[in-house]
Amino acid sequence: MSHEHVSNIGRIWKVFGILSAVTIVEVYLGILKPDFLFMNDFLSMNLLNWIFYALTVFKAYYIVWAFMHMEGEKSTLKSAVVFPVIFLILYILFILLTEGDYIYGVFKNSTIKWNF
């Protein structure tokens, strides 16, 4: 049996366009730093940082989805790859934010000064 070669040029441009649009939004928000996002906190961090984390996770997921050809796989394989990665990202984010907030509190409220 012979398989017919299908051109993926349109798909490549679509992936390029989506990833470029998300990156442009990130750069635009990073340059402007809108006050309504930068000055409002949610879970001890400003909303702008949460948006950056969400867009970064989206880009990572979309890269895996597009370039590892996950859209054509069975749902069990998709779940086996995606769910652990999402869990680990959220877990690492929780640990970093919790420890960072603790260290910030220790240095802010003590006689130990920032030396780095």
Protein backbone atom coordinates (compact mmCIF):
# COMPACT_ATOMS: atom_id res chain seq x y z
CA MET A 1 0.00 0.00 0.00
CA SER A 2 1.26 3.41 -0.84
CA HIS A 3 0.54 6.44 1.23
CA GLU A 4 -0.11 9.71 -0.44
CA HIS A 5 2.08 12.57 0.74
CA VAL A 6 0.08 15.44 2.16
CA SER A 7 1.57 18.91 2.30
CA ASN A 8 1.59 20.49 5.75
CA ILE A 9 2.56 23.99 4.67
CA GLY A 10 -0.82 25.44 5.66
CA ARG A 11 -0.68 23.74 9.04
CA ILE A 12 2.85 25.02 9.67
CA TRP A 13 1.76 28.58 8.89
CA LYS A 14 -1.25 28.20 11.18
CA VAL A 15 0.97 27.04 14.07
CA PHE A 16 3.42 29.84 13.32
CA GLY A 17 0.60 32.39 13.33
CA ILE A 18 -0.90 31.21 16.63
CA LEU A 19 2.46 31.06 18.43
CA SER A 20 3.47 34.44 17.00
CA ALA A 21 0.18 36.03 18.10
CA VAL A 22 0.58 34.74 21.65
CA THR A 23 4.19 35.94 21.74
CA ILE A 24 3.17 39.38 20.44
CA VAL A 25 0.53 39.62 23.19
CA GLU A 26 3.17 38.69 25.79
CA VAL A 27 5.64 41.28 24.50
CA TYR A 28 2.92 43.95 24.25
CA LEU A 29 1.79 43.35 27.84
CA GLY A 30 5.40 43.21 29.04
CA ILE A 31 6.25 46.56 27.47
CA LEU A 32 3.08 48.43 28.47
CA LYS A 33 2.42 46.82 31.87
CA PRO A 34 -1.20 48.01 32.15
CA ASP A 35 -1.93 49.32 35.65
CA PHE A 36 -5.20 47.41 35.98
CA LEU A 37 -3.23 44.16 35.57
CA PHE A 38 0.01 45.18 37.24
CA MET A 39 -1.47 46.77 40.38
CA ASN A 40 -4.13 44.13 41.15
CA ASP A 41 -3.10 41.06 43.11
CA PHE A 42 -4.47 37.55 43.03
CA LEU A 43 -3.00 34.90 45.36
CA SER A 44 -0.07 37.16 46.33
CA MET A 45 0.94 37.88 42.75
CA ASN A 46 -0.17 40.52 40.27
CA LEU A 47 -2.56 39.58 37.48
CA LEU A 48 -0.01 40.37 34.79
CA ASN A 49 2.29 37.60 36.02
CA TRP A 50 -0.65 35.15 36.08
CA ILE A 51 -1.39 36.05 32.46
CA PHE A 52 2.25 35.45 31.52
CA TYR A 53 2.17 32.03 33.22
CA ALA A 54 -1.08 31.09 31.47
CA LEU A 55 0.18 32.17 28.04
CA THR A 56 3.48 30.32 28.56
CA VAL A 57 1.68 27.11 29.54
CA PHE A 58 -0.60 27.51 26.51
CA LYS A 59 2.39 27.89 24.18
CA ALA A 60 4.13 24.85 25.68
CA TYR A 61 0.96 22.77 25.35
CA TYR A 62 0.37 23.92 21.78
CA ILE A 63 3.96 23.15 20.77
CA VAL A 64 3.58 19.62 22.13
CA TRP A 65 0.18 19.33 20.46
CA ALA A 66 1.36 20.50 17.05
CA PHE A 67 4.96 19.32 16.71
CA MET A 68 4.63 16.00 18.52
CA HIS A 69 1.47 15.26 16.49
CA MET A 70 -0.66 14.67 19.59
CA GLU A 71 -3.88 15.68 17.85
CA GLY A 72 -3.91 12.42 15.91
CA GLU A 73 -3.33 10.13 18.89
CA LYS A 74 -5.85 8.27 21.01
CA SER A 75 -7.29 10.11 23.98
CA THR A 76 -5.59 7.79 26.49
CA LEU A 77 -2.13 8.66 25.13
CA LYS A 78 -3.01 12.36 25.06
CA SER A 79 -4.10 12.15 28.69
CA ALA A 80 -1.02 10.15 29.69
CA VAL A 81 1.26 12.84 28.25
CA VAL A 82 -0.66 16.04 29.01
CA PHE A 83 -2.09 15.49 32.52
CA PRO A 84 1.23 14.73 34.27
CA VAL A 85 2.87 17.74 32.61
CA ILE A 86 0.03 20.07 33.65
CA PHE A 87 0.14 18.66 37.19
CA LEU A 88 3.92 19.09 37.43
CA ILE A 89 3.81 22.65 36.11
CA LEU A 90 1.10 23.61 38.61
CA TYR A 91 2.96 21.82 41.43
CA ILE A 92 6.26 23.56 40.65
CA LEU A 93 4.46 26.90 40.37
CA PHE A 94 2.83 26.33 43.77
CA ILE A 95 6.15 25.40 45.39
CA LEU A 96 8.02 28.36 43.88
CA LEU A 97 5.34 30.86 44.87
CA THR A 98 4.98 29.47 48.40
CA GLU A 99 8.72 29.36 49.08
CA GLY A 100 9.32 32.72 47.42
CA ASP A 101 6.60 34.34 49.52
CA TYR A 102 8.08 32.80 52.69
CA ILE A 103 11.61 33.98 51.89
CA TYR A 104 10.31 37.43 51.01
CA GLY A 105 8.53 37.59 54.39
CA VAL A 106 11.65 36.47 56.24
CA PHE A 107 13.84 39.13 54.66
CA LYS A 108 11.18 41.85 54.85
CA ASN A 109 10.38 41.43 58.55
CA SER A 110 13.80 40.64 59.99
CA THR A 111 17.13 42.26 60.61
CA ILE A 112 18.72 40.23 57.82
CA LYS A 113 19.20 42.45 54.81
CA TRP A 114 19.10 41.60 51.15
CA ASN A 115 22.65 40.95 50.02
CA PHE A 116 21.97 39.66 46.56
